[in-house]
Protein backbone atom coordinates (compact mmCIF):
# COMPACT_ATOMS: atom_id res chain seq x y z
CA MET A 1 -2.65 -5.92 11.67
CA THR A 2 -1.22 -2.37 11.67
CA ALA A 3 -2.55 0.48 9.55
CA GLU A 4 0.83 0.71 7.78
CA PHE A 5 0.71 -2.99 6.87
CA LYS A 6 -2.83 -2.58 5.52
CA LYS A 7 -1.69 0.33 3.34
CA LEU A 8 1.26 -1.62 1.96
CA ARG A 9 -0.88 -4.69 1.30
CA PHE A 10 -3.53 -2.57 -0.43
CA MET A 11 -1.07 -0.84 -2.75
CA PHE A 12 0.83 -4.10 -3.44
CA ILE A 13 -2.37 -5.75 -4.66
CA VAL A 14 -3.29 -2.70 -6.74
CA GLY A 15 0.19 -2.70 -8.27
CA LEU A 16 -0.20 -6.34 -9.24
CA LEU A 17 -3.57 -5.66 -10.85
CA LEU A 18 -2.14 -2.77 -12.86
CA SER A 19 1.06 -4.56 -13.89
CA GLY A 20 -0.38 -6.14 -17.04
CA CYS A 21 -1.65 -9.50 -18.27
CA SER A 22 -0.46 -13.05 -17.73
CA PHE A 23 -0.49 -15.67 -20.47
CA SER A 24 -1.03 -19.39 -20.44
CA ALA A 25 0.99 -21.81 -22.53
CA PRO A 26 -0.28 -22.42 -26.12
CA GLN A 27 -2.68 -25.32 -26.41
CA VAL A 28 -1.59 -28.12 -28.76
CA PRO A 29 -4.64 -29.68 -30.46
CA HIS A 30 -5.11 -33.45 -30.24
CA HIS A 31 -3.83 -35.26 -33.34
CA SER A 32 -3.82 -38.73 -34.76
CA PRO A 33 -0.63 -40.83 -34.65
CA HIS A 34 -0.65 -40.82 -38.46
CA VAL A 35 -0.68 -37.02 -38.73
CA ASP A 36 2.36 -34.81 -38.24
CA PRO A 37 2.07 -32.63 -35.10
CA PRO A 38 1.28 -28.97 -35.74
CA VAL A 39 4.02 -26.39 -35.63
CA ILE A 40 3.90 -24.39 -32.39
CA ASP A 41 4.21 -20.65 -32.85
CA THR A 42 7.14 -19.54 -30.67
CA SER A 43 6.99 -15.89 -31.65
CA PRO A 44 6.53 -13.35 -28.80
CA PRO A 45 2.91 -12.87 -27.67
CA LEU A 46 0.98 -9.85 -28.82
CA PRO A 47 0.89 -6.89 -26.41
CA CYS A 48 -1.70 -7.17 -23.69
CA PRO A 49 -4.73 -5.08 -24.74
CA GLU A 50 -5.40 -4.07 -21.12
CA LYS A 51 -1.92 -2.60 -20.64
CA ASP A 52 -2.93 0.61 -22.37
CA GLU A 53 -2.46 4.30 -21.74
CA ARG A 54 -5.01 4.29 -18.92
CA HIS A 55 -3.10 1.64 -16.97
CA GLU A 56 0.14 3.53 -17.44
CA THR A 57 -1.55 6.68 -16.13
CA LEU A 58 -2.88 4.86 -13.07
CA LYS A 59 0.53 3.33 -12.35
CA ALA A 60 2.09 6.78 -12.62
CA LEU A 61 -0.42 8.12 -10.08
CA LEU A 62 0.52 5.36 -7.64
CA HIS A 63 4.19 6.34 -7.89
CA LEU A 64 3.67 10.06 -7.24
CA LYS A 65 5.42 11.24 -4.08
CA LYS A 66 5.29 14.23 -1.75
CA ASP A 67 5.09 17.50 -3.69
CA ALA A 68 4.06 15.87 -6.98
CA LEU A 69 1.26 13.96 -5.27
CA LYS A 70 0.08 17.05 -3.42
CA SER A 71 0.13 19.11 -6.61
CA GLU A 72 -1.84 16.54 -8.60
CA LEU A 73 -4.33 16.13 -5.77
CA LEU A 74 -4.90 19.89 -5.65
CA ASN A 75 -5.36 19.90 -9.43
CA LEU A 76 -7.97 17.14 -9.30
CA GLU A 77 -9.77 18.71 -6.34
CA TYR A 78 -9.91 21.99 -8.26
CA GLN A 79 -11.49 20.20 -11.22
CA LEU A 80 -13.92 18.51 -8.86
CA SER A 81 -15.10 21.86 -7.46
CA HIS A 82 -15.10 23.57 -10.90
CA PRO A 83 -16.98 21.28 -13.33
CA GLU A 84 -16.43 23.72 -16.21
CA LYS A 85 -12.65 23.22 -15.83
CA ARG A 86 -12.73 19.42 -15.86
CA VAL A 87 -10.40 17.59 -18.21
CA LEU A 88 -11.48 14.13 -17.08
CA GLY A 89 -14.92 12.59 -16.94
CA PRO A 90 -15.85 10.00 -14.29
CA GLU A 91 -12.17 8.94 -14.36
CA LEU A 92 -11.55 11.98 -12.16
CA TYR A 93 -13.18 10.18 -9.22
CA PHE A 94 -11.02 7.09 -9.68
CA HIS A 95 -7.84 9.18 -9.81
CA LEU A 96 -8.87 10.92 -6.60
CA ALA A 97 -9.55 7.56 -4.94
CA LEU A 98 -6.04 6.36 -5.80
CA LEU A 99 -4.35 9.52 -4.55
CA TYR A 100 -6.39 9.72 -1.33
CA SER A 101 -5.42 6.12 -0.51
CA SER A 102 -1.84 6.24 -1.80
CA PRO A 103 0.83 4.98 0.63
CA ASN A 104 2.85 8.03 -0.38
CA ASN A 105 0.10 10.33 0.91
CA PRO A 106 1.01 11.35 4.48
CA LEU A 107 -2.62 12.42 4.98
CA ALA A 108 -4.23 9.32 3.46
CA ASP A 109 -8.02 9.53 3.69
CA TYR A 110 -9.58 6.12 3.08
CA GLY A 111 -13.10 7.35 3.79
CA ASN A 112 -12.83 9.99 1.07
CA ALA A 113 -11.16 7.49 -1.27
CA LEU A 114 -14.10 5.13 -0.77
CA ASN A 115 -16.60 7.90 -1.51
CA GLN A 116 -14.77 8.84 -4.71
CA ILE A 117 -14.59 5.31 -6.11
CA LYS A 118 -18.29 4.87 -5.32
CA ARG A 119 -18.99 7.99 -7.38
CA TYR A 120 -16.87 6.53 -10.17
CA MET A 121 -18.95 3.36 -10.10
CA GLN A 122 -22.08 5.48 -10.25
CA PHE A 123 -21.14 7.66 -13.22
CA ALA A 124 -18.76 5.52 -15.29
CA ALA A 125 -20.01 3.44 -18.19
CA LYS A 126 -20.39 -0.25 -17.40
CA ASP A 127 -17.67 -1.26 -19.88
CA GLN A 128 -15.24 1.07 -18.04
CA ILE A 129 -15.68 -0.73 -14.72
CA THR A 130 -13.20 -3.61 -14.58
CA ASP A 131 -12.14 -6.10 -11.92
CA ILE A 132 -9.53 -3.58 -10.80
CA GLU A 133 -12.12 -1.01 -9.73
CA GLN A 134 -14.30 -3.68 -8.15
CA TYR A 135 -11.39 -5.06 -6.15
CA ILE A 136 -10.19 -1.64 -4.98
CA LEU A 137 -13.75 -0.85 -3.92
CA LYS A 138 -13.83 -4.01 -1.77
CA LEU A 139 -10.43 -3.25 -0.24
CA LEU A 140 -11.36 0.33 0.62
CA THR A 141 -14.69 -0.82 2.04
CA ARG A 142 -12.91 -3.29 4.30
CA ILE A 143 -10.29 -0.75 5.39
CA GLU A 144 -12.97 1.80 6.22
CA SER A 145 -14.95 -0.84 8.11
CA GLN A 146 -11.89 -1.70 10.19
CA ARG A 147 -11.22 1.98 10.80
CA TYR A 148 -14.79 2.45 12.03
CA LYS A 149 -14.48 -0.56 14.35
CA ARG A 150 -11.21 0.79 15.75
CA LYS A 151 -12.78 4.19 16.31
CA THR A 152 -15.75 2.55 18.05
CA CYS A 153 -13.42 0.50 20.27
CA ASN A 154 -11.42 3.61 21.15
CA ASN A 155 -14.61 5.45 22.08
CA GLN A 156 -15.72 2.54 24.24
CA LYS A 157 -12.28 2.47 25.84
CA GLN A 158 -12.55 6.17 26.72
CA VAL A 159 -16.00 5.60 28.24
CA LEU A 160 -14.71 2.69 30.32
CA LEU A 161 -11.70 4.74 31.46
CA LYS A 162 -14.01 7.53 32.62
CA GLU A 163 -16.26 5.04 34.41
CA ASN A 164 -13.21 3.46 36.02
CA GLN A 165 -11.98 6.86 37.19
CA ALA A 166 -15.43 7.63 38.61
CA LEU A 167 -15.42 4.31 40.50
CA LYS A 168 -11.94 5.06 41.86
CA THR A 169 -13.20 8.41 43.12
CA LYS A 170 -16.22 6.76 44.77
CA LEU A 171 -13.94 4.13 46.34
CA LYS A 172 -11.65 6.83 47.73
CA ASN A 173 -14.62 8.74 49.12
CA ALA A 174 -15.97 5.54 50.66
CA ALA A 175 -12.57 4.82 52.23
CA ASP A 176 -12.42 8.37 53.63
CA GLU A 177 -15.93 7.99 55.06
CA THR A 178 -14.98 4.64 56.60
CA ARG A 179 -11.98 6.18 58.34
CA ARG A 180 -14.14 9.05 59.60
CA LEU A 181 -16.72 6.64 61.00
CA LYS A 182 -14.01 4.55 62.68
CA LYS A 183 -12.66 7.64 64.41
CA ALA A 184 -16.18 8.61 65.51
CA ILE A 185 -16.79 5.10 66.88
CA GLN A 186 -13.46 5.14 68.71
CA ALA A 187 -14.32 8.53 70.21
CA LEU A 188 -17.69 7.21 71.35
CA GLU A 189 -16.06 4.13 72.86
CA GLN A 190 -13.62 6.32 74.79
CA LEU A 191 -16.46 8.52 75.96
CA ASP A 192 -18.43 5.46 77.08
CA ILE A 193 -15.39 4.19 79.01
CA ARG A 194 -14.95 7.54 80.78
CA LEU A 195 -18.65 7.69 81.70
CA GLU A 196 -18.54 4.16 83.00
CA LYS A 197 -15.54 5.04 85.19
CA LYS A 198 -17.35 8.02 86.64
CA ARG A 199 -20.37 5.89 87.51
CA THR A 200 -18.24 3.30 89.26
CA HIS A 201 -16.45 5.94 91.35
């Protein structure tokens, strides 16, 4: 699974979670055959209480691109380093997590995103932590775990490549030494033949 596919899958799931509520069909109560069935209310459902201003803000963050994303990220990072200038409370950490992991961020930093959402979980009130934050935390944890495994595999690959190169060098040196010894043996054999000829004459 490529890193690009993981990013797209991550943001697709987040988009679904932030897209609002789903509703089940109205339940018709059981009635006796001798009683007229109740009238079903066909009026439009009430607005979803979770689709509030916060969700709209989060969706807007996910759609920021290029310069707008960079500008907002710089603004939030400034607030993070200057507590007296903060406009947001713990929500600041969640916004940073979304921007650091955004597919529109060319310098996406999943490790930093994971750290920020962990800080949000630490400082936010319990009633502010929903399934959305929990799910994003799990996704970022998995992505960072995979990134660590890939980094470990790459490091092991580099070690093996160096060991392989060292073995190739040893093999070449051994081959050179073998050729040198063969020449020395051949020279000794020729010398032995010449000495034997002298003795026989």
